[in-house]
């Protein structure tokens, strides 16, 4: 049995130049400045709130677009990739990307420094919970790119920078990027781009790969796993291997749902399971929840003795995020005649636009842990009487999230409608 672990996520931004004019004739090697670290003391609450807000906005848009299906994505991966693109943007293009991310009241230097600190914090060693964050910039041969843009990506995002011949060898370029993603996600995402993804107008590709593999702090006993019917929203049932465990876990009873948190490793990473009450749907739960209610839930969870049932599952998804991001307010960056990426190239910056945003994610959960990979209102309640014992059996559609407790960063979110 493979370990239950969340194995990374990969998000790619493709920047394409519009028009038929050339964007550079002489090969321009990518600069490789000396890396330096200028990290602040802590993750600022403004950043935590912004990333949490972005995660929920993205979840709501994906839930609307993927209604009735399993859902899995990495808000952090999408956020980091867009933050890299932010470094190349100016004017309305910059403002729209920043607002979509919730960074409109933050300077670019603050966004970069906080992103660097977040990645550094996530890499803190835990023998039972590995998080790997990797970024890369792939530039078309012959395209003169601004040295400051590359320097920022290398300095703050540890981005690898390489040249590829998108014009004369587009299939080889796609294969090379896919190989990089495959390596960074421990082969969980072997292919991000199709062979025909690039052409002569492609000038740059930004990629973020996020990988997570965590062992439960208290593994589920394989002997306790047994077949149970999973009740799907269409009224049918499906037999699934239901993993069972008992113990003291952070627990919360919300308005129409129960929530329990299962720790990985030393406890810095948690699997949040949110199960709608009988008669309620997971879509209603998503509609009800928001960043403030999420924070309230997490803050009010109390260690409680209980029984947990979680189906063994694997979910693999791929999204073209362009329409989703447009719905969130990112219009200008995708417009051939309206985008402004002058910080990538001063001469041709207003001919550069984002052509596609591809996000692929995989999660596998079993008795030992989780492996995942991806290549991007305040509620006042009367305090309830303490619960002495709870039972949460996820035998119907549920919402889940994997969260880094010290920073509040949401690494992954998902909905399981059919394990």
Foldseek 3Di string as FASTA:
>chain_A
DDFAKAFAAKKKWFKFFDDDDDQFDAFDDADDDDADADADDDQDVQLLLLLQQLVLLLVLLVCVVVPQAWWKFFAAFAAVLLLLLLLLFDDPLNCQSCVSSSNNVPDNVSVLNNQQVVQVVQCPDFPFKHKAKAKEKEFETRRDWFNVSSNSCCHRVVYHYYYDHLAPQVLVVQQVVLCVLCVRRVNPRNHFDDSPRGHSRTGMMMWMKMKMTFFFPDFFDPVQWDWDWFQFPVRDTDTFGKTKDWDWFFWDDDDQWIWTWTATGPRQKIKIWIGGDPPDDQSVVSVPDGSQVVVVSVVPTDTATEMEIDTWDKDKDKDWCVVVSVVSRNDQQADQQRTASCNTPVVRRNSMHTPTMMKIKMWGGDRTHIIMMRRHDHDDDDDDDDDHYDYYHNSAKIKIFMARRVSRRTGMIIIDRDD
